[in-house]
Amino acid sequence: MNIQLDLLKDAERRRIGIADPRAVMRIAAMAVLALIVAVAVIIISTGISRRSEFNRLDAAWANGKKEFTNLKNTEAELKKANGLVAELNVWSEARIDWFAPLMNLADLVPPSIQLKSLKIKSSVYFKEKKEAEEVAPSLMRRTRCTLDGTTKGEMGDEEVVLFLDDIRDSEEMGSLLTSVKLDRLQREASGDKNTAVRAFTVEAVFAERILR
């Protein structure tokens, strides 16, 4: 003989058979809340990551902009320096290196001639353009050299003329000149009545050179 005993109460039997709506609502609310929290965490994490990336890119842009500014400043300084170097080169080319011409002049002076003084005068002026020219006015350097000396002997006049010819034909001095002329040649008093002394002045004009 089998005997079955039902020990469950009616209230317990109802809970087993039918889910409690309040419990279901609590579970659903907790699930939704968990989902919201998870989504919020993902959004915040993504936002932080994006913000970090933005900050990195912004810093890279700031550094790149700074480097670009430094590069532009360096380029401007380099351009200024190149302009200064070009200006100095022009001034250097416009300057006459006097050592070789003066040594050449000393070699050209004959024994019968004695140089008393040598004066070099340079001036700077603007060479205005002509109406038909489109070139801007140029800053020019003009150089003149004045030689004063004396010569002795009856052939003194010829010696001075030959001296001028030697200057014109010389490789070092003559190549720099545009003209050489005798400004003065006159007899001077001498302690020796038998010796003719003549004083002379020679003016040499050098080719003009462009400064700018």
Protein backbone atom coordinates (compact mmCIF):
# COMPACT_ATOMS: atom_id res chain seq x y z
CA MET A 1 0.00 0.00 0.00
CA ASN A 2 1.40 3.42 -1.06
CA ILE A 3 0.76 6.51 0.93
CA GLN A 4 1.46 10.07 -0.49
CA LEU A 5 1.59 13.03 1.82
CA ASP A 6 1.39 16.62 0.51
CA LEU A 7 3.29 18.77 2.98
CA LEU A 8 3.20 22.07 0.93
CA LYS A 9 1.06 24.83 2.14
CA ASP A 10 -1.33 26.55 -0.21
CA ALA A 11 0.71 29.78 -0.17
CA GLU A 12 3.89 27.89 -1.04
CA ARG A 13 2.11 26.04 -3.82
CA ARG A 14 0.98 29.34 -5.35
CA ARG A 15 4.54 30.76 -5.32
CA ILE A 16 5.85 27.69 -7.12
CA GLY A 17 3.22 27.67 -9.78
CA ILE A 18 2.94 31.39 -10.56
CA ALA A 19 5.86 33.97 -10.61
CA ASP A 20 5.53 36.95 -8.37
CA PRO A 21 4.97 40.07 -10.58
CA ARG A 22 6.84 42.31 -8.16
CA ALA A 23 9.86 40.04 -8.28
CA VAL A 24 9.74 40.02 -12.06
CA MET A 25 9.58 43.83 -12.10
CA ARG A 26 12.51 44.10 -9.73
CA ILE A 27 14.58 41.73 -11.85
CA ALA A 28 13.63 43.58 -15.04
CA ALA A 29 14.45 46.93 -13.41
CA MET A 30 17.81 45.62 -12.23
CA ALA A 31 18.54 44.25 -15.71
CA VAL A 32 17.65 47.56 -17.36
CA LEU A 33 19.71 49.43 -14.76
CA ALA A 34 22.65 47.13 -15.36
CA LEU A 35 22.29 47.65 -19.09
CA ILE A 36 22.14 51.42 -18.62
CA VAL A 37 25.20 51.32 -16.40
CA ALA A 38 27.06 49.17 -18.93
CA VAL A 39 26.14 51.51 -21.79
CA ALA A 40 27.11 54.52 -19.67
CA VAL A 41 30.45 52.93 -18.84
CA ILE A 42 31.07 52.22 -22.53
CA ILE A 43 30.09 55.78 -23.50
CA ILE A 44 32.24 57.32 -20.76
CA SER A 45 35.18 55.06 -21.63
CA THR A 46 34.83 55.91 -25.31
CA GLY A 47 34.53 59.62 -24.47
CA ILE A 48 37.65 59.50 -22.32
CA SER A 49 39.52 57.68 -25.09
CA ARG A 50 38.30 60.17 -27.69
CA ARG A 51 39.20 63.07 -25.40
CA SER A 52 42.67 61.64 -24.87
CA GLU A 53 43.09 61.21 -28.62
CA PHE A 54 41.83 64.75 -29.19
CA ASN A 55 44.28 66.12 -26.61
CA ARG A 56 47.09 64.20 -28.28
CA LEU A 57 46.17 65.50 -31.71
CA ASP A 58 45.73 69.02 -30.35
CA ALA A 59 49.18 68.86 -28.74
CA ALA A 60 50.65 67.51 -31.98
CA TRP A 61 48.99 70.35 -33.91
CA ALA A 62 50.31 72.93 -31.43
CA ASN A 63 53.82 71.49 -31.72
CA GLY A 64 53.54 71.35 -35.50
CA LYS A 65 52.30 74.94 -35.60
CA LYS A 66 55.18 76.02 -33.37
CA GLU A 67 57.68 74.18 -35.56
CA PHE A 68 56.12 75.75 -38.65
CA THR A 69 56.40 79.21 -37.08
CA ASN A 70 60.03 78.54 -36.15
CA LEU A 71 60.68 77.32 -39.69
CA LYS A 72 59.12 80.46 -41.17
CA ASN A 73 61.19 82.62 -38.81
CA THR A 74 64.33 80.70 -39.75
CA GLU A 75 63.48 81.09 -43.43
CA ALA A 76 63.03 84.84 -42.94
CA GLU A 77 66.34 85.10 -41.07
CA LEU A 78 68.07 83.06 -43.76
CA LYS A 79 66.63 85.28 -46.47
CA LYS A 80 67.80 88.34 -44.56
CA ALA A 81 71.26 86.84 -44.10
CA ASN A 82 71.49 85.92 -47.79
CA GLY A 83 70.50 89.46 -48.69
CA LEU A 84 73.21 90.82 -46.42
CA VAL A 85 75.79 88.45 -47.89
CA ALA A 86 74.77 89.48 -51.41
CA GLU A 87 75.03 93.15 -50.41
CA LEU A 88 78.49 92.58 -48.92
CA ASN A 89 79.58 90.72 -52.05
CA VAL A 90 78.48 93.67 -54.20
CA TRP A 91 80.36 96.12 -51.97
CA SER A 92 83.40 93.83 -52.00
CA GLU A 93 83.36 93.64 -55.79
CA ALA A 94 83.04 97.42 -55.97
CA ARG A 95 86.14 97.87 -53.83
CA ILE A 96 89.50 98.07 -55.56
CA ASP A 97 92.23 95.83 -54.22
CA TRP A 98 94.98 98.40 -54.19
CA PHE A 99 97.97 96.20 -53.42
CA ALA A 100 98.61 94.85 -56.93
CA PRO A 101 97.97 98.15 -58.82
CA LEU A 102 100.17 100.19 -56.48
CA MET A 103 102.99 97.65 -56.65
CA ASN A 104 102.65 97.74 -60.43
CA LEU A 105 102.75 101.54 -60.39
CA ALA A 106 105.95 101.50 -58.33
CA ASP A 107 107.55 99.24 -60.94
CA LEU A 108 106.53 101.64 -63.74
CA VAL A 109 108.21 104.73 -62.26
CA PRO A 110 111.47 105.38 -64.16
CA PRO A 111 114.64 106.52 -62.33
CA SER A 112 114.30 110.07 -63.70
CA ILE A 113 110.87 110.55 -62.07
CA GLN A 114 110.23 110.99 -58.38
CA LEU A 115 106.67 110.75 -57.07
CA LYS A 116 105.86 113.26 -54.35
CA SER A 117 102.29 112.29 -53.47
CA LEU A 118 99.49 109.94 -54.40
CA LYS A 119 95.92 110.82 -53.57
CA ILE A 120 92.94 108.52 -54.04
CA LYS A 121 89.44 109.93 -53.85
CA SER A 122 86.25 107.90 -54.04
CA SER A 123 82.71 109.21 -54.25
CA VAL A 124 79.31 107.52 -54.37
CA TYR A 125 76.37 108.74 -56.43
CA PHE A 126 73.11 107.59 -57.95
CA LYS A 127 73.21 106.97 -61.67
CA GLU A 128 69.74 107.99 -62.85
CA LYS A 129 68.10 105.84 -65.46
CA LYS A 130 67.35 107.24 -68.87
CA GLU A 131 63.75 107.70 -69.97
CA ALA A 132 63.89 104.76 -72.38
CA GLU A 133 65.43 102.43 -69.76
CA GLU A 134 63.42 100.35 -67.33
CA VAL A 135 66.38 99.73 -65.02
CA ALA A 136 66.17 101.29 -61.58
CA PRO A 137 68.77 103.92 -60.59
CA SER A 138 72.07 102.35 -59.55
CA LEU A 139 74.33 103.34 -56.70
CA MET A 140 77.76 103.83 -58.24
CA ARG A 141 81.29 104.29 -56.91
CA ARG A 142 83.63 106.65 -58.75
CA THR A 143 87.36 106.62 -57.98
CA ARG A 144 90.07 109.06 -59.05
CA CYS A 145 93.80 108.95 -58.40
CA THR A 146 96.07 112.01 -58.51
CA LEU A 147 99.84 111.65 -58.81
CA ASP A 148 102.22 114.56 -58.14
CA GLY A 149 105.89 114.23 -59.00
CA THR A 150 108.98 115.77 -60.49
CA THR A 151 111.37 114.84 -63.27
CA LYS A 152 114.93 115.92 -63.95
CA GLY A 153 116.85 116.27 -67.15
CA GLU A 154 116.36 117.70 -70.57
CA MET A 155 114.23 114.72 -71.57
CA GLY A 156 111.90 115.18 -68.61
CA ASP A 157 108.86 116.00 -70.75
CA GLU A 158 109.28 112.85 -72.81
CA GLU A 159 109.85 110.79 -69.66
CA VAL A 160 106.51 111.95 -68.21
CA VAL A 161 104.67 111.17 -71.46
CA LEU A 162 106.23 107.70 -71.62
CA PHE A 163 105.31 107.18 -67.95
CA LEU A 164 101.66 107.90 -68.76
CA ASP A 165 101.78 105.50 -71.71
CA ASP A 166 103.23 102.78 -69.47
CA ILE A 167 100.40 103.29 -66.99
CA ARG A 168 97.77 102.95 -69.74
CA ASP A 169 99.38 99.79 -71.12
CA SER A 170 100.10 98.10 -67.77
CA GLU A 171 98.23 94.90 -66.96
CA GLU A 172 97.45 95.67 -63.33
CA MET A 173 96.93 99.45 -63.34
CA GLY A 174 95.83 100.11 -66.91
CA SER A 175 93.11 97.45 -66.90
CA LEU A 176 91.31 99.31 -64.10
CA LEU A 177 91.40 102.75 -65.70
CA THR A 178 89.13 104.55 -68.13
CA SER A 179 91.43 107.52 -68.66
CA VAL A 180 94.88 108.84 -67.75
CA LYS A 181 95.76 112.46 -68.46
CA LEU A 182 98.48 114.97 -67.71
CA ASP A 183 96.98 117.88 -65.77
CA ARG A 184 100.12 119.88 -65.15
CA LEU A 185 103.70 120.04 -66.38
CA GLN A 186 105.78 123.08 -65.49
CA ARG A 187 109.37 124.02 -64.82
CA GLU A 188 110.47 124.49 -61.23
CA ALA A 189 113.36 126.40 -59.77
CA SER A 190 116.40 124.26 -58.98
CA GLY A 191 119.56 124.81 -56.98
CA ASP A 192 121.51 123.47 -59.92
CA LYS A 193 121.12 125.82 -62.86
CA ASN A 194 122.35 123.11 -65.23
CA THR A 195 119.62 120.64 -64.22
CA ALA A 196 116.09 121.14 -65.53
CA VAL A 197 113.39 120.20 -63.03
CA ARG A 198 109.76 119.89 -64.01
CA ALA A 199 106.76 119.28 -61.77
CA PHE A 200 103.78 117.36 -63.08
CA THR A 201 100.35 116.17 -62.02
CA VAL A 202 98.66 113.10 -63.47
CA GLU A 203 95.00 112.28 -62.98
CA ALA A 204 93.82 108.70 -63.46
CA VAL A 205 90.11 107.84 -63.51
CA PHE A 206 89.07 104.31 -62.61
CA ALA A 207 86.14 102.48 -64.12
CA GLU A 208 82.95 103.08 -62.14
CA ARG A 209 81.64 100.17 -60.12
CA ILE A 210 78.09 99.32 -59.12
CA LEU A 211 77.33 99.24 -55.41
CA ARG A 212 73.64 98.46 -55.73
